[in-house]
Structures are given as C-alpha cells and as structure tokens.
C-alpha cells in the first residue's frame, strides 16, 4: 500500500511504515504463502518462514547425473562388424544346368536289359548248337562260357574281376552325385550298364557265386568272343577318354576353367 505525500499528508513514523509494509513479519499471515515460500522447495534446508531463494544445483552433481543414467547413448553402443561375403575366384564357374543322374540311370538300364535279354536268348537258342554265320566267317554267333575278363582275358582271375566290377560300380555312383555333363552321363551309363551285366553273370551263373562264367556269343574272326556288356564297357571307356582329352569334366566344367580357379585361389 502507498502513503500520501505532500503538505497534506499526515505524519507517519518509521515503525508505522514497517508495520504497514506487505510481507513484513509483523503483518504476515502464516496461512497465506509468500513469494519466498513459493520459490523455495519443500525439502530445502531453509525453514518454512525463510524467504531465501533455493540454491542452484552444484555443477559437479549436474555433470555426474548423465554418467549415472542406466540408458547408454546410441553412440556408445557396440556396432556388430558386417559379415564378409564369399568372393568367387576369378575364372571359376559353377556347374550349369541340372544333374544328369536320370540320363545315367536310363542309359545304364537300357545297356543292362539289352545285354541280359541277349544272353537269355542265345543260351536258349544257340548253346550246344552250331554257330550262326552273320557276316560270312568274319562274324558269327556262338555261345562260350568265359571265366575271365572281357574278350576272354584272365581266365583264372574270376574273383578278382568280380571285385573290380563291384568297385567300378561304386566309383561311378559317387561321381554321379556331381554329374552335370550330358556326354559324361552317357559314357558313365554305358560303363555302369556293362559292368552290371557281367557282374550279374558272375553272381548268378554256374559254377557259383563270385565265380560264375560270363556268357559270350559274338565271335569276330582272328579277334575274340565277347558280349554286348563288353561292347558297352568299351564304348563308354572310349567316350570317357575323348571327353578327357577335350578337357571336359563330369560336373560340366572344363580343365582350363578349373586351372584358372586354382591359380586364383593361390593368388597368382
């Protein structure tokens, strides 16, 4: 509140001024909050009647607050290292197309069935009969029981040749797992069908298991007597040699591409 001034103003003593001043201890009502009470926090060390403003927080405490926070900043989070992608060696190519196991099996089955059927026929019709001339005396049909290998070789090694035929079948089947080349499928199919044809004779014909004699019936003058299984094996072997000379692999690649891939792996 203000006091009048001027000549007409009544005389006011200093005590009356203090008492009349708003907010003084003499005129203060404890039920009415003063501005000092609003400014001061409830938990401050100052008393409820003290009008002193709250002290600012210490800089050290403010600086330590972020460090004690349980949430870390994105910059401090560890970033996982990127996974390196595999690098293809220069010059190396993946096998193209699909696997040719079906072709191999079809060719092998045809070779086996033709050989098996021809042996059944000649044993039933020609065994213990005179030879049949096909091309004069150059090519004739006559049944001969062969205890050796192809073309009558190795007469005393029947068991050995049986084991070799079994090993050849296993090797061909292992190669077939990565067979993408059609010519290789035909070649291996001929080898597999021929080996199965002669192995069947050695297992099931007389004189016993693993010692059976193979039925041969195609006789060429001044050459040898053989069967269609022998012919399939020879044709498949010739085709394998030709493919190898051309640089072809069973997986569809060629030797030059494989050499480039090996040099790239070595860093040459």
Protein backbone atom coordinates (compact mmCIF):
# COMPACT_ATOMS: atom_id res chain seq x y z
CA UNK A 1 0.00 0.00 0.00
CA UNK A 2 1.19 3.57 -0.62
CA UNK A 3 1.36 6.56 1.69
CA UNK A 4 0.29 10.06 0.66
CA UNK A 5 2.95 12.62 0.27
CA UNK A 6 2.84 16.33 0.15
CA UNK A 7 1.94 19.04 2.58
CA UNK A 8 -1.39 17.48 3.50
CA UNK A 9 -0.03 14.02 4.25
CA UNK A 10 -0.23 13.03 7.95
CA UNK A 11 2.97 12.37 9.79
CA UNK A 12 3.86 8.63 9.76
CA UNK A 13 6.56 7.24 11.91
CA UNK A 14 9.12 4.67 10.83
CA UNK A 15 7.53 1.95 12.97
CA UNK A 16 4.19 2.51 11.31
CA UNK A 17 5.83 2.20 7.89
CA UNK A 18 7.38 -1.16 8.79
CA UNK A 19 4.12 -2.47 10.22
CA UNK A 20 2.15 -1.33 7.18
CA UNK A 21 4.55 -2.87 4.62
CA UNK A 22 3.15 -6.00 2.96
CA UNK A 23 5.07 -9.17 3.78
CA UNK A 24 6.79 -7.89 6.88
CA UNK A 25 6.98 -10.26 9.87
CA UNK A 26 4.61 -8.05 11.83
CA UNK A 27 1.81 -8.17 9.22
CA UNK A 28 2.42 -11.65 7.80
CA UNK A 29 -0.30 -14.28 7.96
CA UNK A 30 1.10 -17.83 8.15
CA UNK A 31 -1.87 -19.22 6.24
CA UNK A 32 -1.10 -17.08 3.18
CA UNK A 33 2.01 -18.16 1.22
CA UNK A 34 4.51 -15.51 0.38
CA UNK A 35 6.55 -15.38 -2.88
CA UNK A 36 9.58 -16.60 -0.99
CA UNK A 37 7.65 -19.73 0.11
CA UNK A 38 6.65 -20.44 -3.50
CA UNK A 39 10.24 -20.14 -4.74
CA UNK A 40 11.82 -22.25 -2.01
CA UNK A 41 11.42 -26.07 -2.42
CA UNK A 42 9.76 -28.07 0.32
CA UNK A 43 12.85 -30.15 1.02
CA UNK A 44 15.27 -27.17 1.17
CA UNK A 45 17.39 -26.69 4.25
CA UNK A 46 15.79 -23.27 4.84
CA UNK A 47 12.92 -23.10 7.29
CA UNK A 48 9.29 -22.57 6.31
CA UNK A 49 9.44 -18.93 7.26
CA UNK A 50 12.70 -18.19 5.46
CA UNK A 51 12.17 -16.29 2.19
CA UNK A 52 15.65 -17.02 0.77
CA UNK A 53 15.59 -18.48 -2.78
CA UNK A 54 16.69 -22.07 -3.40
CA UNK A 55 20.34 -22.57 -4.16
CA UNK A 56 21.19 -23.81 -7.66
CA UNK A 57 22.39 -27.38 -8.06
CA UNK A 58 26.15 -27.84 -7.99
CA UNK A 59 27.80 -28.19 -11.43
CA UNK A 60 29.60 -31.37 -10.34
CA UNK A 61 26.30 -33.09 -9.48
CA UNK A 62 24.74 -31.99 -12.76
CA UNK A 63 27.69 -33.30 -14.72
CA UNK A 64 27.63 -36.64 -12.89
CA UNK A 65 23.91 -37.18 -13.49
CA UNK A 66 24.19 -38.30 -17.14
CA UNK A 67 27.02 -40.67 -16.28
CA UNK A 68 24.90 -42.45 -13.69
CA UNK A 69 22.00 -42.90 -16.10
CA UNK A 70 21.34 -46.62 -16.86
CA UNK A 71 20.48 -45.86 -20.52
CA UNK A 72 23.56 -45.55 -22.68
CA UNK A 73 23.67 -43.24 -25.63
CA UNK A 74 23.44 -44.70 -29.18
CA UNK A 75 26.98 -43.57 -29.93
CA UNK A 76 28.41 -45.71 -27.11
CA UNK A 77 26.52 -48.90 -28.13
CA UNK A 78 28.76 -51.53 -29.80
CA UNK A 79 28.10 -51.96 -33.53
CA UNK A 80 28.46 -55.55 -34.84
CA UNK A 81 31.01 -55.97 -37.59
CA UNK A 82 29.48 -56.78 -41.02
CA UNK A 83 29.82 -60.37 -42.21
CA UNK A 84 32.14 -60.56 -45.24
CA UNK A 85 30.56 -62.03 -48.35
CA UNK A 86 32.30 -65.00 -50.04
CA UNK A 87 34.36 -64.00 -53.04
CA UNK A 88 34.16 -66.16 -56.12
CA UNK A 89 37.61 -66.96 -57.56
CA UNK A 90 38.21 -65.40 -60.94
CA UNK A 91 37.72 -67.77 -63.83
CA UNK A 92 35.79 -70.39 -61.82
CA UNK A 93 32.26 -71.20 -62.90
CA UNK A 94 29.51 -73.07 -61.14
CA UNK A 95 28.16 -76.13 -62.93
CA UNK A 96 25.34 -75.12 -65.21
CA UNK A 97 22.05 -76.92 -65.77
CA UNK A 98 20.68 -79.79 -63.76
CA UNK A 99 22.23 -83.03 -62.70
CA UNK A 100 22.20 -85.84 -65.24
CA UNK A 101 21.68 -88.78 -62.91
CA UNK A 102 18.44 -89.64 -64.71
CA UNK A 103 20.24 -89.89 -68.06
CA UNK A 104 22.93 -92.07 -66.50
CA UNK A 105 20.37 -94.43 -65.00
CA UNK A 106 18.34 -94.69 -68.20
CA UNK A 107 21.42 -95.47 -70.31
CA UNK A 108 22.68 -97.99 -67.74
CA UNK A 109 19.28 -99.69 -67.55
CA UNK A 110 18.99 -99.96 -71.33
CA UNK A 111 22.51 -101.38 -71.64
CA UNK A 112 21.84 -103.89 -68.87
CA UNK A 113 18.47 -105.03 -70.23
CA UNK A 114 19.75 -105.44 -73.80
CA UNK A 115 22.73 -107.46 -72.59
CA UNK A 116 20.62 -109.56 -70.21
CA UNK A 117 17.96 -110.29 -72.83
CA UNK A 118 20.51 -111.19 -75.49
CA UNK A 119 22.21 -113.67 -73.14
CA UNK A 120 18.93 -115.33 -72.27
CA UNK A 121 18.10 -115.65 -75.95
CA UNK A 122 21.42 -117.10 -77.10
CA UNK A 123 21.62 -119.53 -74.18
CA UNK A 124 18.16 -120.84 -75.00
CA UNK A 125 18.63 -121.00 -78.77
CA UNK A 126 22.35 -121.33 -79.54
CA UNK A 127 24.03 -123.20 -76.68
CA UNK A 128 25.09 -126.69 -77.75
CA UNK A 129 24.25 -125.78 -81.35
CA UNK A 130 26.40 -124.94 -84.32
CA UNK A 131 27.50 -121.37 -84.90
CA UNK A 132 25.32 -118.99 -86.89
CA UNK A 133 27.08 -117.01 -89.58
CA UNK A 134 26.24 -113.32 -89.53
CA UNK A 135 28.84 -111.91 -91.95
CA UNK A 136 30.35 -114.99 -93.58
CA UNK A 137 33.08 -116.42 -91.40
CA UNK A 138 34.11 -112.97 -90.13
CA UNK A 139 31.31 -112.52 -87.59
CA UNK A 140 29.45 -115.46 -86.10
CA UNK A 141 27.20 -116.17 -83.11
CA UNK A 142 28.28 -119.00 -80.83
CA UNK A 143 27.91 -119.40 -77.05
CA UNK A 144 31.09 -119.56 -74.98
CA UNK A 145 31.29 -119.53 -71.19
CA UNK A 146 34.05 -117.14 -70.12
CA UNK A 147 35.55 -117.26 -66.64
CA UNK A 148 37.89 -114.33 -67.29
CA UNK A 149 37.53 -110.67 -68.15
CA UNK A 150 36.30 -109.06 -71.34
CA UNK A 151 37.29 -110.77 -74.59
CA UNK A 152 38.35 -113.93 -72.73
CA UNK A 153 41.32 -112.46 -70.88
CA UNK A 154 42.37 -113.59 -67.39
CA UNK A 155 40.67 -116.98 -67.21
CA UNK A 156 42.00 -117.73 -63.71
CA UNK A 157 41.09 -114.36 -62.14
CA UNK A 158 37.32 -114.65 -61.94
CA UNK A 159 37.02 -113.48 -58.30
CA UNK A 160 39.40 -110.57 -58.89
CA UNK A 161 37.43 -109.34 -61.87
CA UNK A 162 34.22 -109.64 -59.84
CA UNK A 163 35.67 -107.37 -57.16
CA UNK A 164 36.93 -104.91 -59.78
CA UNK A 165 33.48 -104.72 -61.38
CA UNK A 166 31.92 -104.02 -57.99
CA UNK A 167 34.45 -101.24 -57.29
CA UNK A 168 33.78 -99.65 -60.69
CA UNK A 169 30.05 -99.51 -59.94
CA UNK A 170 30.70 -97.78 -56.59
CA UNK A 171 33.05 -95.23 -58.18
CA UNK A 172 30.57 -94.40 -60.93
CA UNK A 173 27.80 -93.87 -58.40
CA UNK A 174 29.99 -91.50 -56.37
CA UNK A 175 30.84 -89.47 -59.48
CA UNK A 176 27.15 -89.27 -60.35
CA UNK A 177 26.46 -87.00 -57.36
CA UNK A 178 28.07 -84.09 -59.27
CA UNK A 179 27.19 -85.15 -62.79
CA UNK A 180 26.05 -82.18 -64.92
CA UNK A 181 27.51 -83.12 -68.31
CA UNK A 182 25.26 -85.00 -70.75
CA UNK A 183 28.15 -86.72 -72.63
CA UNK A 184 29.64 -87.85 -69.33
CA UNK A 185 26.24 -89.18 -68.25
CA UNK A 186 26.02 -91.29 -71.41
CA UNK A 187 29.59 -92.56 -71.03
CA UNK A 188 29.19 -93.47 -67.36
CA UNK A 189 25.80 -95.03 -68.08
CA UNK A 190 27.38 -97.36 -70.65
CA UNK A 191 30.12 -98.29 -68.20
CA UNK A 192 27.63 -98.90 -65.41
CA UNK A 193 25.24 -100.98 -67.54
CA UNK A 194 28.05 -103.12 -68.93
CA UNK A 195 29.60 -103.69 -65.51
CA UNK A 196 26.21 -104.69 -64.06
CA UNK A 197 25.58 -107.08 -66.96
CA UNK A 198 28.80 -109.05 -66.47
CA UNK A 199 28.56 -108.83 -62.67
CA UNK A 200 25.13 -110.48 -62.85
CA UNK A 201 26.65 -113.44 -64.68
CA UNK A 202 29.44 -113.77 -62.11
CA UNK A 203 26.98 -113.71 -59.23
CA UNK A 204 24.19 -115.97 -60.52
CA UNK A 205 25.59 -118.31 -63.15
CA UNK A 206 27.45 -121.57 -62.62
CA UNK A 207 29.70 -122.72 -61.14
CA UNK A 208 28.93 -120.46 -58.13
CA UNK A 209 28.66 -117.01 -56.58
CA UNK A 210 31.57 -114.67 -57.50
CA UNK A 211 32.91 -117.44 -59.75
CA UNK A 212 30.17 -117.55 -62.38
CA UNK A 213 31.15 -117.69 -66.03
CA UNK A 214 30.10 -114.83 -68.29
CA UNK A 215 28.13 -115.71 -71.43
CA UNK A 216 29.91 -114.51 -74.59
CA UNK A 217 28.43 -115.11 -78.04
CA UNK A 218 29.73 -112.52 -80.58
CA UNK A 219 32.74 -114.05 -82.32
CA UNK A 220 34.94 -111.96 -84.62
CA UNK A 221 37.44 -113.84 -86.76
CA UNK A 222 41.04 -113.50 -85.58
CA UNK A 223 39.92 -111.32 -82.66
CA UNK A 224 37.89 -112.54 -79.67
CA UNK A 225 34.47 -113.61 -78.42
CA UNK A 226 32.51 -111.03 -76.39
CA UNK A 227 29.00 -109.92 -75.47
CA UNK A 228 27.00 -106.71 -75.54
CA UNK A 229 28.06 -105.81 -71.97
CA UNK A 230 31.69 -105.84 -73.13
CA UNK A 231 30.73 -103.62 -76.06
CA UNK A 232 29.02 -101.13 -73.73
CA UNK A 233 32.08 -101.01 -71.48
CA UNK A 234 34.43 -100.42 -74.41
CA UNK A 235 32.22 -97.69 -75.93
CA UNK A 236 31.85 -95.96 -72.56
CA UNK A 237 35.60 -96.11 -71.97
CA UNK A 238 36.38 -94.62 -75.39
CA UNK A 239 33.90 -91.81 -74.77
CA UNK A 240 35.48 -91.07 -71.37
CA UNK A 241 38.93 -90.82 -72.97
CA UNK A 242 37.66 -88.45 -75.67
CA UNK A 243 35.93 -86.22 -73.13
CA UNK A 244 39.08 -86.10 -71.01
CA UNK A 245 41.21 -85.08 -73.99
CA UNK A 246 38.73 -82.30 -74.77
CA UNK A 247 39.08 -81.00 -71.22
CA UNK A 248 35.53 -81.83 -70.16
CA UNK A 249 34.72 -82.72 -66.55
CA UNK A 250 31.70 -84.65 -65.24
CA UNK A 251 30.47 -81.51 -63.41
CA UNK A 252 30.11 -79.59 -66.69
CA UNK A 253 33.29 -77.51 -66.41
CA UNK A 254 36.47 -77.78 -68.46
CA UNK A 255 40.08 -78.22 -67.35
CA UNK A 256 41.08 -74.64 -68.32
CA UNK A 257 38.40 -73.16 -66.06
CA UNK A 258 39.49 -75.40 -63.21
CA UNK A 259 43.14 -74.36 -63.67
CA UNK A 260 42.17 -70.68 -63.62
CA UNK A 261 40.21 -71.21 -60.43
CA UNK A 262 43.17 -72.92 -58.75
CA UNK A 263 45.55 -70.10 -59.78
CA UNK A 264 43.10 -67.52 -58.47
CA UNK A 265 42.92 -69.35 -55.12
CA UNK A 266 46.72 -69.30 -54.90
CA UNK A 267 46.83 -65.58 -55.76
CA UNK A 268 48.86 -65.98 -58.92
